[in-house]
């Protein structure tokens, strides 16, 4: 009821207080999410995958689990 010409002051007050409540609730929930997730981000050590050594004679193809899964998805 934005600037309704026939709206009573009590009705305008009710609409704005309701809007303020929902804006406050959204801000509080965003703050709660930030508080619960930010401390966990710094404690996780970056995990690097250990790759097998490169073949000495060239040719880097190996039939890994990832490649096997891809082949399974292409079967008709």
PDB file of N, CA and C in Angstrom:
ATOM      1  N   UNK A   1       0.842  -1.169   0.000  1.00  0.00           N
ATOM      2  CA  UNK A   1       0.000   0.000   0.000  1.00  0.00           C
ATOM      3  C   UNK A   1       0.887   1.232   0.000  1.00  0.00           C
ATOM      4  N   UNK A   2       1.513   1.457  -1.073  1.00  0.00           N
ATOM      5  CA  UNK A   2       2.466   2.539  -1.164  1.00  0.00           C
ATOM      6  C   UNK A   2       1.730   3.840  -1.462  1.00  0.00           C
ATOM      7  N   UNK A   3       1.688   4.713  -0.488  1.00  0.00           N
ATOM      8  CA  UNK A   3       1.074   6.032  -0.630  1.00  0.00           C
ATOM      9  C   UNK A   3      -0.343   5.971  -1.192  1.00  0.00           C
ATOM     10  N   UNK A   4      -1.123   5.061  -0.688  1.00  0.00           N
ATOM     11  CA  UNK A   4      -2.516   4.958  -1.119  1.00  0.00           C
ATOM     12  C   UNK A   4      -3.271   6.176  -0.611  1.00  0.00           C
ATOM     13  N   UNK A   5      -4.059   6.816  -1.464  1.00  0.00           N
ATOM     14  CA  UNK A   5      -4.731   8.047  -1.048  1.00  0.00           C
ATOM     15  C   UNK A   5      -5.780   7.824   0.030  1.00  0.00           C
ATOM     16  N   UNK A   6      -6.432   6.682   0.058  1.00  0.00           N
ATOM     17  CA  UNK A   6      -7.495   6.423   1.021  1.00  0.00           C
ATOM     18  C   UNK A   6      -7.020   5.593   2.204  1.00  0.00           C
ATOM     19  N   UNK A   7      -5.740   5.303   2.319  1.00  0.00           N
ATOM     20  CA  UNK A   7      -5.227   4.461   3.397  1.00  0.00           C
ATOM     21  C   UNK A   7      -5.158   5.256   4.690  1.00  0.00           C
ATOM     22  N   UNK A   8      -5.509   4.591   5.752  1.00  0.00           N
ATOM     23  CA  UNK A   8      -5.445   5.238   7.054  1.00  0.00           C
ATOM     24  C   UNK A   8      -4.028   5.183   7.578  1.00  0.00           C
ATOM     25  N   UNK A   9      -3.641   6.096   8.468  1.00  0.00           N
ATOM     26  CA  UNK A   9      -2.278   6.071   9.012  1.00  0.00           C
ATOM     27  C   UNK A   9      -1.965   4.758   9.739  1.00  0.00           C
ATOM     28  N   UNK A  10      -2.956   4.156  10.392  1.00  0.00           N
ATOM     29  CA  UNK A  10      -2.719   2.898  11.096  1.00  0.00           C
ATOM     30  C   UNK A  10      -2.392   1.781  10.113  1.00  0.00           C
ATOM     31  N   UNK A  11      -3.069   1.769   8.967  1.00  0.00           N
ATOM     32  CA  UNK A  11      -2.817   0.752   7.959  1.00  0.00           C
ATOM     33  C   UNK A  11      -1.443   0.944   7.337  1.00  0.00           C
ATOM     34  N   UNK A  12      -1.036   2.205   7.102  1.00  0.00           N
ATOM     35  CA  UNK A  12       0.301   2.473   6.575  1.00  0.00           C
ATOM     36  C   UNK A  12       1.370   2.059   7.576  1.00  0.00           C
ATOM     37  N   UNK A  13       1.141   2.292   8.853  1.00  0.00           N
ATOM     38  CA  UNK A  13       2.091   1.904   9.898  1.00  0.00           C
ATOM     39  C   UNK A  13       2.218   0.395   9.959  1.00  0.00           C
ATOM     40  N   UNK A  14       1.096  -0.314   9.816  1.00  0.00           N
ATOM     41  CA  UNK A  14       1.106  -1.767   9.879  1.00  0.00           C
ATOM     42  C   UNK A  14       1.915  -2.343   8.721  1.00  0.00           C
ATOM     43  N   UNK A  15       1.739  -1.801   7.517  1.00  0.00           N
ATOM     44  CA  UNK A  15       2.459  -2.301   6.357  1.00  0.00           C
ATOM     45  C   UNK A  15       3.959  -2.053   6.492  1.00  0.00           C
ATOM     46  N   UNK A  16       4.338  -0.887   6.980  1.00  0.00           N
ATOM     47  CA  UNK A  16       5.767  -0.601   7.091  1.00  0.00           C
ATOM     48  C   UNK A  16       6.418  -1.404   8.217  1.00  0.00           C
ATOM     49  N   UNK A  17       5.690  -1.663   9.303  1.00  0.00           N
ATOM     50  CA  UNK A  17       6.278  -2.459  10.377  1.00  0.00           C
ATOM     51  C   UNK A  17       6.429  -3.914   9.939  1.00  0.00           C
ATOM     52  N   UNK A  18       5.506  -4.405   9.145  1.00  0.00           N
ATOM     53  CA  UNK A  18       5.597  -5.765   8.620  1.00  0.00           C
ATOM     54  C   UNK A  18       6.787  -5.871   7.679  1.00  0.00           C
ATOM     55  N   UNK A  19       6.964  -4.881   6.839  1.00  0.00           N
ATOM     56  CA  UNK A  19       8.086  -4.867   5.904  1.00  0.00           C
ATOM     57  C   UNK A  19       9.409  -4.828   6.670  1.00  0.00           C
ATOM     58  N   UNK A  20       9.464  -4.027   7.713  1.00  0.00           N
ATOM     59  CA  UNK A  20      10.679  -3.944   8.523  1.00  0.00           C
ATOM     60  C   UNK A  20      10.983  -5.249   9.230  1.00  0.00           C
ATOM     61  N   UNK A  21       9.932  -5.928   9.658  1.00  0.00           N
ATOM     62  CA  UNK A  21      10.130  -7.223  10.319  1.00  0.00           C
ATOM     63  C   UNK A  21      10.768  -8.216   9.363  1.00  0.00           C
ATOM     64  N   UNK A  22      10.245  -8.310   8.143  1.00  0.00           N
ATOM     65  CA  UNK A  22      10.784  -9.274   7.193  1.00  0.00           C
ATOM     66  C   UNK A  22      12.191  -8.895   6.742  1.00  0.00           C
ATOM     67  N   UNK A  23      12.475  -7.624   6.618  1.00  0.00           N
ATOM     68  CA  UNK A  23      13.837  -7.203   6.266  1.00  0.00           C
ATOM     69  C   UNK A  23      14.806  -7.547   7.395  1.00  0.00           C
ATOM     70  N   UNK A  24      14.373  -7.359   8.625  1.00  0.00           N
ATOM     71  CA  UNK A  24      15.210  -7.714   9.765  1.00  0.00           C
ATOM     72  C   UNK A  24      15.426  -9.212   9.870  1.00  0.00           C
ATOM     73  N   UNK A  25      14.385  -9.989   9.584  1.00  0.00           N
ATOM     74  CA  UNK A  25      14.504 -11.447   9.629  1.00  0.00           C
ATOM     75  C   UNK A  25      15.466 -11.940   8.561  1.00  0.00           C
ATOM     76  N   UNK A  26      15.411 -11.339   7.380  1.00  0.00           N
ATOM     77  CA  UNK A  26      16.328 -11.738   6.310  1.00  0.00           C
ATOM     78  C   UNK A  26      17.769 -11.400   6.673  1.00  0.00           C
ATOM     79  N   UNK A  27      17.972 -10.232   7.265  1.00  0.00           N
ATOM     80  CA  UNK A  27      19.326  -9.845   7.662  1.00  0.00           C
ATOM     81  C   UNK A  27      19.860 -10.747   8.775  1.00  0.00           C
ATOM     82  N   UNK A  28      19.005 -11.104   9.710  1.00  0.00           N
ATOM     83  CA  UNK A  28      19.431 -11.972  10.808  1.00  0.00           C
ATOM     84  C   UNK A  28      19.769 -13.364  10.306  1.00  0.00           C
ATOM     85  N   UNK A  29      18.999 -13.886   9.348  1.00  0.00           N
ATOM     86  CA  UNK A  29      19.300 -15.217   8.831  1.00  0.00           C
ATOM     87  C   UNK A  29      20.589 -15.202   8.010  1.00  0.00           C
ATOM     88  N   UNK A  30      20.835 -14.132   7.267  1.00  0.00           N
ATOM     89  CA  UNK A  30      22.090 -14.041   6.520  1.00  0.00           C
ATOM     90  C   UNK A  30      23.279 -13.962   7.466  1.00  0.00           C
ATOM     91  N   UNK A  31      23.128 -13.245   8.559  1.00  0.00           N
ATOM     92  CA  UNK A  31      24.206 -13.150   9.541  1.00  0.00           C
ATOM     93  C   UNK A  31      24.453 -14.501  10.204  1.00  0.00           C
ATOM     94  N   UNK A  32      23.386 -15.241  10.483  1.00  0.00           N
ATOM     95  CA  UNK A  32      23.538 -16.559  11.109  1.00  0.00           C
ATOM     96  C   UNK A  32      24.269 -17.519  10.178  1.00  0.00           C
ATOM     97  N   UNK A  33      23.960 -17.465   8.898  1.00  0.00           N
ATOM     98  CA  UNK A  33      24.651 -18.325   7.934  1.00  0.00           C
ATOM     99  C   UNK A  33      26.123 -17.949   7.863  1.00  0.00           C
ATOM    100  N   UNK A  34      26.414 -16.670   7.853  1.00  0.00           N
ATOM    101  CA  UNK A  34      27.806 -16.230   7.779  1.00  0.00           C
ATOM    102  C   UNK A  34      28.590 -16.647   9.015  1.00  0.00           C
ATOM    103  N   UNK A  35      27.985 -16.557  10.173  1.00  0.00           N
ATOM    104  CA  UNK A  35      28.677 -16.915  11.416  1.00  0.00           C
ATOM    105  C   UNK A  35      28.960 -18.406  11.464  1.00  0.00           C
ATOM    106  N   UNK A  36      28.059 -19.221  10.949  1.00  0.00           N
ATOM    107  CA  UNK A  36      28.273 -20.668  11.025  1.00  0.00           C
ATOM    108  C   UNK A  36      29.214 -21.182   9.951  1.00  0.00           C
ATOM    109  N   UNK A  37      29.301 -20.516   8.791  1.00  0.00           N
ATOM    110  CA  UNK A  37      30.154 -21.043   7.730  1.00  0.00           C
ATOM    111  C   UNK A  37      31.543 -20.437   7.703  1.00  0.00           C
ATOM    112  N   UNK A  38      31.722 -19.200   8.091  1.00  0.00           N
ATOM    113  CA  UNK A  38      33.037 -18.571   8.000  1.00  0.00           C
ATOM    114  C   UNK A  38      34.096 -19.214   8.888  1.00  0.00           C
ATOM    115  N   UNK A  39      33.812 -19.600  10.124  1.00  0.00           N
ATOM    116  CA  UNK A  39      34.872 -20.234  10.918  1.00  0.00           C
ATOM    117  C   UNK A  39      35.349 -21.556  10.326  1.00  0.00           C
ATOM    118  N   UNK A  40      34.497 -22.267   9.615  1.00  0.00           N
ATOM    119  CA  UNK A  40      34.883 -23.553   9.043  1.00  0.00           C
ATOM    120  C   UNK A  40      35.744 -23.407   7.802  1.00  0.00           C
ATOM    121  N   UNK A  41      35.707 -22.270   7.157  1.00  0.00           N
ATOM    122  CA  UNK A  41      36.454 -22.100   5.914  1.00  0.00           C
ATOM    123  C   UNK A  41      37.956 -22.049   6.159  1.00  0.00           C
ATOM    124  N   UNK A  42      38.397 -21.454   7.240  1.00  0.00           N
ATOM    125  CA  UNK A  42      39.818 -21.331   7.499  1.00  0.00           C
ATOM    126  C   UNK A  42      40.452 -22.595   8.045  1.00  0.00           C
ATOM    127  N   UNK A  43      39.680 -23.482   8.634  1.00  0.00           N
ATOM    128  CA  UNK A  43      40.254 -24.665   9.262  1.00  0.00           C
ATOM    129  C   UNK A  43      40.517 -25.794   8.283  1.00  0.00           C
ATOM    130  N   UNK A  44      39.958 -25.710   7.097  1.00  0.00           N
ATOM    131  CA  UNK A  44      40.164 -26.783   6.136  1.00  0.00           C
ATOM    132  C   UNK A  44      41.473 -26.560   5.387  1.00  0.00           C
ATOM    133  N   UNK A  45      42.338 -27.522   5.472  1.00  0.00           N
ATOM    134  CA  UNK A  45      43.603 -27.446   4.750  1.00  0.00           C
ATOM    135  C   UNK A  45      43.357 -27.812   3.290  1.00  0.00           C
ATOM    136  N   UNK A  46      43.963 -27.110   2.374  1.00  0.00           N
ATOM    137  CA  UNK A  46      43.759 -27.450   0.967  1.00  0.00           C
ATOM    138  C   UNK A  46      44.315 -28.836   0.679  1.00  0.00           C
ATOM    139  N   UNK A  47      43.494 -29.650   0.050  1.00  0.00           N
ATOM    140  CA  UNK A  47      43.901 -31.016  -0.254  1.00  0.00           C
ATOM    141  C   UNK A  47      44.325 -31.073  -1.717  1.00  0.00           C
ATOM    142  N   UNK A  48      45.557 -31.479  -1.944  1.00  0.00           N
ATOM    143  CA  UNK A  48      46.042 -31.628  -3.304  1.00  0.00           C
ATOM    144  C   UNK A  48      46.079 -33.101  -3.658  1.00  0.00           C
ATOM    145  N   UNK A  49      45.633 -33.415  -4.841  1.00  0.00           N
ATOM    146  CA  UNK A  49      45.616 -34.809  -5.287  1.00  0.00           C
ATOM    147  C   UNK A  49      47.021 -35.201  -5.741  1.00  0.00           C
ATOM    148  N   UNK A  50      47.450 -36.345  -5.297  1.00  0.00           N
ATOM    149  CA  UNK A  50      48.761 -36.856  -5.710  1.00  0.00           C
ATOM    150  C   UNK A  50      48.589 -37.555  -7.052  1.00  0.00           C
ATOM    151  N   UNK A  51      49.246 -37.031  -8.053  1.00  0.00           N
ATOM    152  CA  UNK A  51      49.172 -37.626  -9.380  1.00  0.00           C
ATOM    153  C   UNK A  51      50.264 -38.663  -9.531  1.00  0.00           C
ATOM    154  N   UNK A  52      49.970 -39.705 -10.290  1.00  0.00           N
ATOM    155  CA  UNK A  52      51.030 -40.690 -10.534  1.00  0.00           C
ATOM    156  C   UNK A  52      52.130 -40.060 -11.385  1.00  0.00           C
ATOM    157  N   UNK A  53      53.333 -40.561 -11.281  1.00  0.00           N
ATOM    158  CA  UNK A  53      54.433 -39.967 -12.054  1.00  0.00           C
ATOM    159  C   UNK A  53      54.188 -40.124 -13.556  1.00  0.00           C
ATOM    160  N   UNK A  54      54.678 -39.164 -14.317  1.00  0.00           N
ATOM    161  CA  UNK A  54      54.516 -39.206 -15.769  1.00  0.00           C
ATOM    162  C   UNK A  54      55.343 -40.348 -16.340  1.00  0.00           C
ATOM    163  N   UNK A  55      54.855 -40.988 -17.380  1.00  0.00           N
ATOM    164  CA  UNK A  55      55.632 -42.077 -17.992  1.00  0.00           C
ATOM    165  C   UNK A  55      56.940 -41.553 -18.574  1.00  0.00           C
ATOM    166  N   UNK A  56      57.975 -42.345 -18.473  1.00  0.00           N
ATOM    167  CA  UNK A  56      59.296 -41.912 -18.928  1.00  0.00           C
ATOM    168  C   UNK A  56      59.392 -41.857 -20.448  1.00  0.00           C
ATOM    169  N   UNK A  57      58.681 -42.724 -21.132  1.00  0.00           N
ATOM    170  CA  UNK A  57      58.781 -42.790 -22.591  1.00  0.00           C
ATOM    171  C   UNK A  57      57.682 -41.979 -23.284  1.00  0.00           C
ATOM    172  N   UNK A  58      57.079 -41.074 -22.590  1.00  0.00           N
ATOM    173  CA  UNK A  58      56.015 -40.265 -23.189  1.00  0.00           C
ATOM    174  C   UNK A  58      54.676 -40.982 -23.125  1.00  0.00           C
ATOM    175  N   UNK A  59      53.683 -40.377 -23.699  1.00  0.00           N
ATOM    176  CA  UNK A  59      52.348 -40.990 -23.693  1.00  0.00           C
ATOM    177  C   UNK A  59      51.749 -40.946 -22.304  1.00  0.00           C
ATOM    178  N   UNK A  60      50.808 -40.071 -22.064  1.00  0.00           N
ATOM    179  CA  UNK A  60      50.278 -39.902 -20.727  1.00  0.00           C
ATOM    180  C   UNK A  60      48.933 -40.556 -20.505  1.00  0.00           C
ATOM    181  N   UNK A  61      48.475 -41.390 -21.440  1.00  0.00           N
ATOM    182  CA  UNK A  61      47.158 -41.991 -21.281  1.00  0.00           C
ATOM    183  C   UNK A  61      47.222 -43.118 -20.263  1.00  0.00           C
ATOM    184  N   UNK A  62      46.273 -43.089 -19.350  1.00  0.00           N
ATOM    185  CA  UNK A  62      46.125 -44.225 -18.436  1.00  0.00           C
ATOM    186  C   UNK A  62      44.638 -44.448 -18.217  1.00  0.00           C
ATOM    187  N   UNK A  63      44.241 -45.673 -18.083  1.00  0.00           N
ATOM    188  CA  UNK A  63      42.839 -46.031 -17.896  1.00  0.00           C
ATOM    189  C   UNK A  63      42.505 -45.895 -16.413  1.00  0.00           C
ATOM    190  N   UNK A  64      42.168 -44.670 -16.013  1.00  0.00           N
ATOM    191  CA  UNK A  64      41.854 -44.404 -14.610  1.00  0.00           C
ATOM    192  C   UNK A  64      40.365 -44.628 -14.364  1.00  0.00           C
ATOM    193  N   UNK A  65      39.961 -44.538 -13.108  1.00  0.00           N
ATOM    194  CA  UNK A  65      38.547 -44.706 -12.754  1.00  0.00           C
ATOM    195  C   UNK A  65      37.695 -43.631 -13.413  1.00  0.00           C
ATOM    196  N   UNK A  66      38.227 -42.422 -13.505  1.00  0.00           N
ATOM    197  CA  UNK A  66      37.497 -41.333 -14.141  1.00  0.00           C
ATOM    198  C   UNK A  66      37.231 -41.646 -15.610  1.00  0.00           C
ATOM    199  N   UNK A  67      38.228 -42.174 -16.306  1.00  0.00           N
ATOM    200  CA  UNK A  67      38.077 -42.515 -17.715  1.00  0.00           C
ATOM    201  C   UNK A  67      37.092 -43.668 -17.868  1.00  0.00           C
ATOM    202  N   UNK A  68      37.155 -44.644 -16.980  1.00  0.00           N
ATOM    203  CA  UNK A  68      36.223 -45.776 -17.043  1.00  0.00           C
ATOM    204  C   UNK A  68      34.784 -45.303 -16.863  1.00  0.00           C
ATOM    205  N   UNK A  69      34.572 -44.373 -15.921  1.00  0.00           N
ATOM    206  CA  UNK A  69      33.216 -43.837 -15.729  1.00  0.00           C
ATOM    207  C   UNK A  69      32.741 -43.101 -16.973  1.00  0.00           C
ATOM    208  N   UNK A  70      33.633 -42.371 -17.616  1.00  0.00           N
ATOM    209  CA  UNK A  70      33.248 -41.668 -18.829  1.00  0.00           C
ATOM    210  C   UNK A  70      32.859 -42.663 -19.916  1.00  0.00           C
ATOM    211  N   UNK A  71      33.613 -43.698 -20.087  1.00  0.00           N
ATOM    212  CA  UNK A  71      33.288 -44.693 -21.092  1.00  0.00           C
ATOM    213  C   UNK A  71      31.921 -45.341 -20.813  1.00  0.00           C
ATOM    214  N   UNK A  72      31.609 -45.547 -19.549  1.00  0.00           N
ATOM    215  CA  UNK A  72      30.312 -46.127 -19.218  1.00  0.00           C
ATOM    216  C   UNK A  72      29.165 -45.177 -19.584  1.00  0.00           C
ATOM    217  N   UNK A  73      29.379 -43.887 -19.468  1.00  0.00           N
ATOM    218  CA  UNK A  73      28.301 -42.945 -19.794  1.00  0.00           C
ATOM    219  C   UNK A  73      28.072 -42.820 -21.275  1.00  0.00           C
ATOM    220  N   UNK A  74      29.063 -43.207 -22.106  1.00  0.00           N
ATOM    221  CA  UNK A  74      28.899 -43.073 -23.551  1.00  0.00           C
ATOM    222  C   UNK A  74      28.295 -44.311 -24.181  1.00  0.00           C
ATOM    223  N   UNK A  75      28.140 -45.356 -23.446  1.00  0.00           N
ATOM    224  CA  UNK A  75      27.550 -46.585 -23.997  1.00  0.00           C
ATOM    225  C   UNK A  75      26.063 -46.381 -24.262  1.00  0.00           C
ATOM    226  N   UNK A  76      25.637 -46.942 -25.374  1.00  0.00           N
ATOM    227  CA  UNK A  76      24.223 -46.799 -25.735  1.00  0.00           C
ATOM    228  C   UNK A  76      23.502 -48.091 -25.485  1.00  0.00           C
TER     229      UNK A  76
END
